[in-house]
Amino acid sequence: MPAKIILLMVFLLSGTPPLKAADWNQWRGPDRDGSVTGGPALLDQLPSRGLRPRWYTDAEVIPGIKQGGWSSPVVASGRVYLFTHQKTRLGKGNLPPRTFPYLAPEKRVGMSDEQYAEYEKNRRDEEQKISESFRYTEQLYCLEASTGKLVWTNEQTSVYTRFFQSGCPTVVDGRILVLGAGRLARSIDAASGKEIWQTRLPGDFRDQFLQSSFLVVDGTAVVLAGSLFGLDLASGRILWQQGDANSDSLHSSPVSWQSPQGTVVISNIPGGKTIAVKPGDGSLLWTLDSQAGHATPLVSGDRLITYGSSRKKGLRCFQLDLTEPRHLWTFQGTADSGSSPVVAEGHVFVQGERRLACVDLETGKPRWSTLLDLNQPRYTSLLAADGKVIYGFDGLLLFRASGKKFQPLVTGKIDDKGLLADEEAFRVKLGIDKLETTAEGQRTAEQLWRKTFNNGPLSCTTPALSDGRIYIRLKQGIACYDLRSGK
């Protein structure tokens, strides 16, 4: 019997069809670079009355804002998968007081190491008392990609973390991989939602949140949790560990590079470093002083792009090599705590602070930049498809992947019913111009506007794009829009 027929029969019997080229089956898409190649043409503008979702699954099914974390959706084999980390209040009455808030590094000025250690001990003790007032769980949701109908839910007892655990699931070979709270790596059957294995990764756990997403290379599942770990995909057995598991948290995810001698895993690690290892045994090939932070590194051909959390650290480009990558250029016009850039049409598009910029991939020279009319945009990463770049923060922005100028095509907002339309369409629909003719009407218009737009994309999440359809996690649920031209 031909091998292709045998393979098809295996997938049919398992209940999980093979991945399609259009699938967005992991963090940043099929190649972990935020881009789609060979997909359908996308629309250049929204319909005059807006675009209604193909489907919208609300917060009664998918946890909304302030409950569930900030994991992004993925799409594989006709299904949408979403990971959440939830807490449920136990009992009634007042919570224990919080007098020792978490201190970011920049707020520790003037503290000695001893003083900070004592403060941190008190904070953890206090948070432990507060956490006992809640029940913590992790849910993995499986929805039909065509309808949004819930197929199954996998629930796992979990633990308290300082912020919700929010790593993105990875779907490979009929398995879903996710890094849960408390350093718990898990594998779940994509067809049934039943657990295959779980592995507790080495390292101390207090209340850290680790947001890295699994990369799978040649049967090895790789994830960053202080150290970079390689696990056997079939069994969950730890194959290797590279680095100190107890180092500071870094929420970047590993990527792969197809080198002339085979696949190489590249990952940022704490301390502003980027490393390359062999996926089979984790042996170190090189360590790079990249000044990179939480943003996931980006590989484009033989170029490596890293992004730091300050303008001084910048957006950096390196010529990849198996022994020592060569620094090519640094762009210091933007900075972000976790937004990952994208390459399209020979340019790097990067978002940081309120700025959006275009940089020439070959030279690092800036082509253009613009300010976004958004309040504190960050952590949400850029996508690219069909010569366009997509940014899903507060609303949905599509612009040309051009180095000549910033050319917005779609600047849509999403209302409380899921309608995606531009601002002018909503002003007409809501009668805003008429209301604003009087002082009282202006106040009414402002209240109506705020009420209408309480359900845009959930901050810090990134949409998934599959076969011209975009899947957006909203403040209240998740929605699918058909962005194909002419549909």
Protein backbone atom coordinates (compact mmCIF):
# COMPACT_ATOMS: atom_id res chain seq x y z
CA MET A 1 0.00 0.00 0.00
CA PRO A 2 1.43 3.47 -0.87
CA ALA A 3 2.95 5.37 2.04
CA LYS A 4 0.68 8.41 1.51
CA ILE A 5 -2.46 6.24 1.86
CA ILE A 6 -1.11 4.63 5.03
CA LEU A 7 -0.36 8.06 6.52
CA LEU A 8 -3.84 9.32 5.68
CA MET A 9 -5.44 6.25 7.30
CA VAL A 10 -3.44 6.84 10.49
CA PHE A 11 -4.73 10.40 10.75
CA LEU A 12 -8.32 9.41 10.00
CA LEU A 13 -8.23 6.71 12.66
CA SER A 14 -6.76 9.13 15.20
CA GLY A 15 -9.62 11.60 14.61
CA THR A 16 -7.17 14.40 13.85
CA PRO A 17 -6.60 15.31 10.18
CA PRO A 18 -3.08 16.25 9.10
CA LEU A 19 -1.95 19.85 9.50
CA LYS A 20 -2.54 22.04 6.46
CA ALA A 21 -0.02 24.49 5.08
CA ALA A 22 -2.44 27.30 6.03
CA ASP A 23 -2.57 26.30 9.70
CA TRP A 24 -1.38 28.74 12.39
CA ASN A 25 -0.51 25.89 14.71
CA GLN A 26 1.86 27.62 17.12
CA TRP A 27 3.08 30.95 18.47
CA ARG A 28 3.79 33.31 15.54
CA GLY A 29 2.50 30.87 12.96
CA PRO A 30 3.78 27.86 11.01
CA ASP A 31 7.36 29.17 10.71
CA ARG A 32 7.31 31.12 14.00
CA ASP A 33 8.03 34.36 12.17
CA GLY A 34 4.58 35.97 12.13
CA SER A 35 4.17 35.66 8.38
CA VAL A 36 2.01 33.72 5.93
CA THR A 37 3.23 32.85 2.44
CA GLY A 38 1.06 31.71 -0.42
CA GLY A 39 -2.26 32.47 1.26
CA PRO A 40 -5.31 34.08 -0.35
CA ALA A 41 -5.53 37.78 -1.20
CA LEU A 42 -6.76 39.90 1.72
CA LEU A 43 -9.18 42.79 1.55
CA ASP A 44 -7.85 46.33 1.10
CA GLN A 45 -10.70 47.99 2.96
CA LEU A 46 -13.65 47.08 5.14
CA PRO A 47 -17.20 47.04 3.77
CA SER A 48 -18.95 50.39 4.26
CA ARG A 49 -21.14 48.94 7.02
CA GLY A 50 -18.39 46.89 8.54
CA LEU A 51 -17.52 43.22 8.69
CA ARG A 52 -19.49 40.86 10.88
CA PRO A 53 -17.68 37.87 12.38
CA ARG A 54 -18.10 34.43 10.84
CA TRP A 55 -18.67 33.46 14.43
CA TYR A 56 -18.29 34.93 17.90
CA THR A 57 -17.96 32.80 21.05
CA ASP A 58 -18.53 35.05 24.03
CA ALA A 59 -17.27 35.13 27.62
CA GLU A 60 -19.80 32.53 28.75
CA VAL A 61 -17.57 29.99 26.98
CA ILE A 62 -14.15 31.69 26.76
CA PRO A 63 -12.99 33.66 29.84
CA GLY A 64 -12.93 37.40 29.32
CA ILE A 65 -10.77 40.28 30.48
CA LYS A 66 -9.15 39.99 33.93
CA GLN A 67 -9.84 36.26 34.06
CA GLY A 68 -7.95 33.68 32.11
CA GLY A 69 -4.68 35.37 31.20
CA TRP A 70 -3.40 36.55 27.83
CA SER A 71 -2.68 33.44 25.80
CA SER A 72 -3.14 33.78 22.02
CA PRO A 73 -5.22 31.35 19.93
CA VAL A 74 -3.78 28.86 17.44
CA VAL A 75 -5.46 27.06 14.52
CA ALA A 76 -4.74 23.48 13.44
CA SER A 77 -6.62 20.90 11.37
CA GLY A 78 -9.92 22.78 11.43
CA ARG A 79 -9.85 23.55 15.14
CA VAL A 80 -8.99 26.53 17.31
CA TYR A 81 -7.12 25.97 20.57
CA LEU A 82 -6.79 28.41 23.47
CA PHE A 83 -5.06 28.05 26.85
CA THR A 84 -6.28 29.92 29.95
CA HIS A 85 -5.18 30.19 33.56
CA GLN A 86 -8.07 31.04 35.88
CA LYS A 87 -8.76 31.77 39.52
CA THR A 88 -12.07 31.35 41.35
CA ARG A 89 -12.85 33.03 44.67
CA LEU A 90 -13.51 30.67 47.56
CA GLY A 91 -15.85 31.79 50.30
CA LYS A 92 -16.82 35.35 51.16
CA GLY A 93 -15.49 38.24 53.21
CA ASN A 94 -12.50 40.51 52.81
CA LEU A 95 -9.23 39.27 51.38
CA PRO A 96 -6.07 39.51 53.50
CA PRO A 97 -4.41 42.94 53.02
CA ARG A 98 -1.66 43.40 50.43
CA THR A 99 1.13 45.58 51.87
CA PHE A 100 4.10 44.19 49.91
CA PRO A 101 3.40 44.65 46.17
CA TYR A 102 5.72 43.18 43.57
CA LEU A 103 8.64 45.52 42.84
CA ALA A 104 9.91 45.77 39.29
CA PRO A 105 13.73 46.12 39.02
CA GLU A 106 13.51 49.87 38.34
CA LYS A 107 11.61 50.35 41.61
CA ARG A 108 14.26 48.69 43.78
CA VAL A 109 16.48 51.76 43.78
CA GLY A 110 18.12 52.32 47.16
CA MET A 111 17.49 48.78 48.40
CA SER A 112 20.42 46.61 49.36
CA ASP A 113 20.41 42.95 48.34
CA GLU A 114 19.58 42.00 51.92
CA GLN A 115 16.71 44.48 52.12
CA TYR A 116 15.26 43.29 48.84
CA ALA A 117 15.56 39.62 49.87
CA GLU A 118 13.64 40.36 53.07
CA TYR A 119 11.02 42.36 51.19
CA GLU A 120 10.60 39.58 48.63
CA LYS A 121 10.19 36.97 51.37
CA ASN A 122 7.46 39.06 53.00
CA ARG A 123 5.77 39.59 49.64
CA ARG A 124 5.71 35.87 48.86
CA ASP A 125 4.36 35.02 52.32
CA GLU A 126 1.65 37.62 51.91
CA GLU A 127 0.71 36.45 48.43
CA GLN A 128 0.55 32.85 49.66
CA LYS A 129 -2.05 33.85 52.25
CA ILE A 130 -4.07 35.72 49.64
CA SER A 131 -3.82 32.84 47.15
CA GLU A 132 -5.44 30.50 49.65
CA SER A 133 -8.67 32.46 49.10
CA PHE A 134 -8.82 31.26 45.49
CA ARG A 135 -8.90 28.07 43.47
CA TYR A 136 -6.56 28.00 40.47
CA THR A 137 -7.16 25.98 37.31
CA GLU A 138 -5.87 25.78 33.76
CA GLN A 139 -8.25 25.19 30.86
CA LEU A 140 -7.45 24.24 27.30
CA TYR A 141 -10.36 24.97 24.95
CA CYS A 142 -10.95 23.33 21.57
CA LEU A 143 -13.39 25.02 19.16
CA GLU A 144 -14.48 24.22 15.62
CA ALA A 145 -12.64 26.70 13.39
CA SER A 146 -15.63 26.95 11.02
CA THR A 147 -18.33 27.64 13.64
CA GLY A 148 -16.71 28.47 16.99
CA LYS A 149 -18.63 25.59 18.57
CA LEU A 150 -16.96 24.15 21.67
CA VAL A 151 -15.64 20.62 21.01
CA TRP A 152 -13.97 19.86 24.34
CA THR A 153 -12.35 21.41 27.38
CA ASN A 154 -9.38 20.05 29.32
CA GLU A 155 -9.17 21.27 32.92
CA GLN A 156 -6.13 20.91 35.18
CA THR A 157 -5.72 21.96 38.82
CA SER A 158 -3.12 24.72 38.94
CA VAL A 159 -1.29 27.11 41.25
CA TYR A 160 -0.98 30.82 41.89
CA THR A 161 1.42 32.89 39.77
CA ARG A 162 2.17 36.60 40.07
CA PHE A 163 0.46 37.22 36.72
CA PHE A 164 -1.70 34.70 34.89
CA GLN A 165 0.23 32.00 33.05
CA SER A 166 -0.31 32.86 29.38
CA GLY A 167 1.86 30.74 27.12
CA CYS A 168 0.55 29.92 23.65
CA PRO A 169 -0.24 26.25 22.80
CA THR A 170 1.69 24.38 20.11
CA VAL A 171 -0.06 21.72 17.99
CA VAL A 172 2.19 19.13 16.32
CA ASP A 173 1.55 15.52 15.26
CA GLY A 174 -1.89 15.42 16.85
CA ARG A 175 -0.54 16.67 20.20
CA ILE A 176 -0.96 19.97 22.01
CA LEU A 177 1.99 21.18 24.05
CA VAL A 178 1.69 23.88 26.68
CA LEU A 179 3.79 25.16 29.57
CA GLY A 180 1.52 25.53 32.58
CA ALA A 181 1.98 27.30 35.90
CA GLY A 182 4.47 25.90 38.37
CA ARG A 183 6.84 24.79 35.57
CA LEU A 184 4.48 22.01 34.48
CA ALA A 185 4.93 20.95 30.85
CA ARG A 186 1.96 19.08 29.39
CA SER A 187 1.00 17.15 26.28
CA ILE A 188 -2.68 16.72 25.37
CA ASP A 189 -4.30 14.72 22.59
CA ALA A 190 -5.63 17.23 20.04
CA ALA A 191 -8.59 15.07 19.00
CA SER A 192 -9.98 14.12 22.41
CA GLY A 193 -8.47 16.59 24.90
CA LYS A 194 -7.13 13.74 27.03
CA GLU A 195 -3.75 14.17 28.67
CA ILE A 196 -0.82 12.18 27.24
CA TRP A 197 1.91 13.20 29.70
CA GLN A 198 3.03 15.90 32.08
CA THR A 199 6.54 16.75 33.24
CA ARG A 200 7.59 19.08 36.04
CA LEU A 201 10.61 21.03 34.82
CA PRO A 202 13.54 21.39 37.28
CA GLY A 203 14.00 24.69 39.07
CA ASP A 204 12.64 26.53 42.07
CA PHE A 205 9.06 27.78 41.84
CA ARG A 206 7.72 30.64 43.92
CA ASP A 207 5.15 32.64 41.96
CA GLN A 208 6.90 33.14 38.62
CA PHE A 209 4.92 33.17 35.40
CA LEU A 210 6.70 31.63 32.40
CA GLN A 211 5.11 32.49 29.06
CA SER A 212 7.32 30.61 26.61
CA SER A 213 5.72 28.53 23.86
CA PHE A 214 7.00 25.12 22.78
CA LEU A 215 8.99 24.64 19.59
CA VAL A 216 9.10 21.10 18.16
CA VAL A 217 12.14 20.04 16.11
CA ASP A 218 12.79 16.45 15.01
CA GLY A 219 10.79 14.89 17.85
CA THR A 220 12.23 17.24 20.50
CA ALA A 221 9.95 19.73 22.26
CA VAL A 222 11.93 22.82 23.28
CA VAL A 223 10.78 25.46 25.77
CA LEU A 224 12.34 28.26 27.81
CA ALA A 225 11.80 28.15 31.58
CA GLY A 226 14.86 29.89 33.00
CA SER A 227 16.92 27.21 31.27
CA LEU A 228 16.23 26.07 27.76
CA PHE A 229 14.82 22.53 28.00
CA GLY A 230 14.52 19.80 25.40
CA LEU A 231 11.86 17.12 26.03
CA ASP A 232 11.04 13.94 24.15
CA LEU A 233 7.81 14.68 22.27
CA ALA A 234 6.46 11.16 22.70
CA SER A 235 7.09 10.67 26.43
CA GLY A 236 7.83 14.08 27.99
CA ARG A 237 11.19 12.80 29.25
CA ILE A 238 13.74 15.61 29.69
CA LEU A 239 16.51 15.04 27.17
CA TRP A 240 18.70 18.05 27.94
CA GLN A 241 18.93 21.36 29.75
CA GLN A 242 20.93 24.40 28.72
CA GLY A 243 21.46 27.16 31.30
CA ASP A 244 20.36 27.97 34.84
CA ALA A 245 16.75 26.99 35.55
CA ASN A 246 16.61 29.47 38.46
CA SER A 247 17.62 32.53 36.45
CA ASP A 248 15.22 35.45 36.02
CA SER A 249 12.04 34.86 34.05
CA LEU A 250 12.14 35.63 30.34
CA HIS A 251 8.98 35.15 28.29
CA SER A 252 10.55 34.82 24.86
CA SER A 253 10.02 31.63 22.84
CA PRO A 254 12.61 29.60 20.90
CA VAL A 255 12.72 29.52 17.09
CA SER A 256 14.54 27.39 14.54
CA TRP A 257 17.06 28.13 11.79
CA GLN A 258 17.58 25.82 8.84
CA SER A 259 21.38 25.99 8.68
CA PRO A 260 23.45 24.36 5.90
CA GLN A 261 24.27 21.55 8.38
CA GLY A 262 20.75 20.99 9.72
CA THR A 263 18.17 22.56 12.02
CA VAL A 264 19.42 24.78 14.86
CA VAL A 265 17.37 26.05 17.82
CA ILE A 266 17.81 29.73 18.67
CA SER A 267 16.50 31.28 21.88
CA ASN A 268 16.90 34.40 23.96
CA ILE A 269 17.97 33.72 27.53
CA PRO A 270 18.06 36.00 30.58
CA GLY A 271 20.79 38.60 30.72
CA GLY A 272 20.39 40.00 27.20
CA LYS A 273 21.85 36.91 25.54
CA THR A 274 20.77 34.77 22.60
CA ILE A 275 22.02 31.21 22.18
CA ALA A 276 22.01 28.53 19.50
CA VAL A 277 21.89 24.82 20.33
CA LYS A 278 21.57 21.49 18.57
CA PRO A 279 18.02 20.19 19.07
CA GLY A 280 19.07 16.57 19.56
CA ASP A 281 21.33 16.98 22.60
CA GLY A 282 21.16 20.70 23.48
CA SER A 283 24.88 21.21 22.89
CA LEU A 284 25.77 24.89 22.69
CA LEU A 285 26.91 26.28 19.35
CA TRP A 286 27.26 29.95 20.30
CA THR A 287 26.20 32.67 22.73
CA LEU A 288 25.45 36.14 21.43
CA ASP A 289 25.36 39.43 23.33
CA SER A 290 22.15 40.51 21.60
CA GLN A 291 20.60 42.70 24.35
CA ALA A 292 17.32 40.94 23.52
CA GLY A 293 14.40 40.80 25.95
CA HIS A 294 10.97 39.19 26.01
CA ALA A 295 10.34 39.54 22.26
CA THR A 296 10.74 36.27 20.36
CA PRO A 297 13.77 36.28 18.03
CA LEU A 298 13.01 36.36 14.32
CA VAL A 299 14.83 34.32 11.66
CA SER A 300 14.51 35.44 8.04
CA GLY A 301 16.70 33.37 5.75
CA ASP A 302 20.21 33.71 7.14
CA ARG A 303 19.36 36.82 9.19
CA LEU A 304 18.56 36.90 12.89
CA ILE A 305 16.53 39.82 14.28
CA THR A 306 16.42 40.47 18.03
CA TYR A 307 14.52 43.19 19.89
CA GLY A 308 15.40 44.79 23.22
CA SER A 309 13.28 46.45 25.88
CA SER A 310 14.94 49.86 25.51
CA ARG A 311 15.98 52.03 22.60
CA LYS A 312 19.60 51.66 23.61
CA LYS A 313 19.30 47.87 23.26
CA GLY A 314 17.38 48.36 20.06
CA LEU A 315 16.35 46.22 17.14
CA ARG A 316 19.44 44.27 16.03
CA CYS A 317 20.28 42.23 12.96
CA PHE A 318 22.93 39.51 12.71
CA GLN A 319 24.27 37.37 9.88
CA LEU A 320 23.72 33.82 11.05
CA ASP A 321 26.61 31.36 11.25
CA LEU A 322 27.21 28.05 13.00
CA THR A 323 30.16 29.41 14.97
CA GLU A 324 29.83 33.19 15.40
CA PRO A 325 27.01 35.37 14.04
CA ARG A 326 28.12 38.75 12.72
CA HIS A 327 26.40 41.96 13.83
CA LEU A 328 25.09 43.89 10.81
CA TRP A 329 23.11 46.81 12.19
CA THR A 330 21.14 48.26 15.13
CA PHE A 331 18.00 50.39 14.89
CA GLN A 332 17.25 52.43 18.02
CA GLY A 333 13.99 54.11 17.06
CA THR A 334 11.63 51.88 19.08
CA ALA A 335 11.55 49.64 22.15
CA ASP A 336 9.00 47.27 23.66
CA SER A 337 8.62 44.84 26.55
CA GLY A 338 7.56 41.95 24.35
CA SER A 339 6.19 42.83 20.91
CA SER A 340 7.88 40.75 18.21
CA PRO A 341 8.64 42.28 14.77
CA VAL A 342 7.87 40.81 11.36
CA VAL A 343 9.72 40.77 8.01
CA ALA A 344 7.82 41.41 4.77
CA GLU A 345 8.79 42.66 1.30
CA GLY A 346 12.44 43.11 2.33
CA HIS A 347 11.67 45.25 5.36
CA VAL A 348 11.41 44.77 9.10
CA PHE A 349 8.24 46.18 10.66
CA VAL A 350 8.47 46.85 14.36
CA GLN A 351 6.16 48.29 17.00
CA GLY A 352 7.31 49.89 20.25
CA GLU A 353 5.86 52.41 22.70
CA ARG A 354 3.29 54.23 20.50
CA ARG A 355 5.51 54.09 17.44
CA LEU A 356 5.34 51.88 14.38
CA ALA A 357 8.45 51.78 12.18
CA CYS A 358 9.74 50.28 8.95
CA VAL A 359 13.44 49.38 8.64
CA ASP A 360 15.34 48.11 5.62
CA LEU A 361 16.31 44.48 6.25
CA GLU A 362 19.62 44.74 4.39
CA THR A 363 20.94 48.00 5.83
CA GLY A 364 18.96 48.75 8.99
CA LYS A 365 18.17 52.22 7.67
CA PRO A 366 14.77 53.59 8.76
CA ARG A 367 12.26 53.99 5.95
CA TRP A 368 9.38 55.53 7.85
CA SER A 369 7.76 55.72 11.27
CA THR A 370 4.38 56.82 12.55
CA LEU A 371 2.66 57.33 15.89
CA LEU A 372 -0.31 55.13 16.73
CA ASP A 373 -3.40 56.68 18.29
CA LEU A 374 -3.45 54.03 21.00
CA ASN A 375 -3.11 53.98 24.76
CA GLN A 376 0.04 52.09 25.85
CA PRO A 377 0.28 49.51 23.06
CA ARG A 378 2.71 46.72 23.93
CA TYR A 379 3.28 42.95 23.95
CA THR A 380 1.08 42.42 20.87
CA SER A 381 3.10 41.16 17.89
CA LEU A 382 2.85 41.97 14.18
CA LEU A 383 1.66 39.59 11.42
CA ALA A 384 2.29 39.75 7.67
CA ALA A 385 0.40 38.27 4.70
CA ASP A 386 -0.41 39.22 1.10
CA GLY A 387 1.91 42.25 1.11
CA LYS A 388 0.18 43.62 4.20
CA VAL A 389 1.06 43.91 7.89
CA ILE A 390 -1.56 43.32 10.60
CA TYR A 391 -1.59 44.70 14.14
CA GLY A 392 -4.39 43.69 16.52
CA PHE A 393 -4.32 46.01 19.52
CA ASP A 394 -7.48 47.85 20.66
CA GLY A 395 -8.79 47.39 17.11
CA LEU A 396 -7.47 45.91 13.88
CA LEU A 397 -4.92 47.74 11.74
CA LEU A 398 -3.86 46.60 8.26
CA PHE A 399 -1.27 48.57 6.29
CA ARG A 400 0.86 48.07 3.21
CA ALA A 401 4.14 46.20 3.71
CA SER A 402 5.88 49.02 1.88
CA GLY A 403 9.11 50.85 2.61
CA LYS A 404 7.94 54.03 0.89
CA LYS A 405 5.44 55.33 3.43
CA PHE A 406 2.92 54.28 6.06
CA GLN A 407 -0.22 53.41 4.10
CA PRO A 408 -3.08 52.26 6.34
CA LEU A 409 -5.77 50.18 4.64
CA VAL A 410 -7.99 49.10 7.54
CA THR A 411 -8.26 50.92 10.86
CA GLY A 412 -11.19 49.05 12.34
CA LYS A 413 -12.72 48.92 15.79
CA ILE A 414 -14.81 46.08 17.21
CA ASP A 415 -18.08 46.84 18.99
CA ASP A 416 -19.83 44.94 21.77
CA LYS A 417 -21.59 42.70 19.20
CA GLY A 418 -18.36 41.83 17.38
CA LEU A 419 -18.88 44.09 14.35
CA LEU A 420 -15.56 45.20 12.81
CA ALA A 421 -15.84 48.60 11.12
CA ASP A 422 -13.97 51.85 10.72
CA GLU A 423 -14.65 54.81 13.00
CA GLU A 424 -16.72 56.73 10.47
CA ALA A 425 -19.08 53.78 9.98
CA PHE A 426 -19.65 53.60 13.73
CA ARG A 427 -20.21 57.36 13.99
CA VAL A 428 -23.00 57.02 11.42
CA LYS A 429 -24.43 53.86 13.02
CA LEU A 430 -24.51 55.43 16.49
CA GLY A 431 -25.58 58.92 15.39
CA ILE A 432 -22.55 60.51 17.03
CA ASP A 433 -22.47 63.63 14.81
CA LYS A 434 -26.04 64.54 15.75
CA LEU A 435 -25.42 63.92 19.44
CA GLU A 436 -22.34 66.13 19.48
CA THR A 437 -24.28 69.24 18.47
CA THR A 438 -25.03 70.00 22.15
CA ALA A 439 -22.97 69.89 25.35
CA GLU A 440 -25.29 67.30 26.90
CA GLY A 441 -25.22 65.30 23.71
CA GLN A 442 -21.42 65.30 23.74
CA ARG A 443 -21.45 63.68 27.17
CA THR A 444 -24.02 61.14 25.96
CA ALA A 445 -21.92 60.43 22.86
CA GLU A 446 -18.81 59.85 24.95
CA GLN A 447 -20.63 57.42 27.25
CA LEU A 448 -22.17 55.60 24.28
CA TRP A 449 -18.77 55.33 22.56
CA ARG A 450 -17.12 53.85 25.66
CA LYS A 451 -19.97 51.37 26.16
CA THR A 452 -19.93 50.31 22.51
CA PHE A 453 -16.19 49.65 22.39
CA ASN A 454 -15.60 47.57 25.51
CA ASN A 455 -14.83 44.42 23.53
CA GLY A 456 -11.82 44.95 21.26
CA PRO A 457 -8.81 42.63 21.07
CA LEU A 458 -7.58 41.54 24.49
CA SER A 459 -4.40 43.49 25.21
CA CYS A 460 -1.13 41.56 24.99
CA THR A 461 -2.60 38.82 22.78
CA THR A 462 -1.81 38.28 19.09
CA PRO A 463 -4.34 37.07 16.49
CA ALA A 464 -3.94 33.87 14.47
CA LEU A 465 -4.26 34.00 10.68
CA SER A 466 -5.25 30.89 8.73
CA ASP A 467 -6.43 30.67 5.11
CA GLY A 468 -7.44 34.33 5.05
CA ARG A 469 -9.42 34.12 8.27
CA ILE A 470 -8.25 35.89 11.40
CA TYR A 471 -8.99 34.59 14.90
CA ILE A 472 -8.92 37.32 17.54
CA ARG A 473 -9.13 36.86 21.27
CA LEU A 474 -11.38 39.66 22.52
CA LYS A 475 -11.89 41.17 25.93
CA GLN A 476 -15.06 39.09 26.07
CA GLY A 477 -14.50 35.85 24.14
CA ILE A 478 -13.03 35.05 20.73
CA ALA A 479 -14.13 35.87 17.18
CA CYS A 480 -13.29 34.84 13.62
CA TYR A 481 -13.36 37.28 10.67
CA ASP A 482 -13.01 36.43 6.98
CA LEU A 483 -10.44 38.87 5.58
CA ARG A 484 -10.32 37.33 2.12
CA SER A 485 -10.71 39.80 -0.71
CA GLY A 486 -14.14 39.68 -2.34
CA LYS A 487 -15.78 37.68 0.45
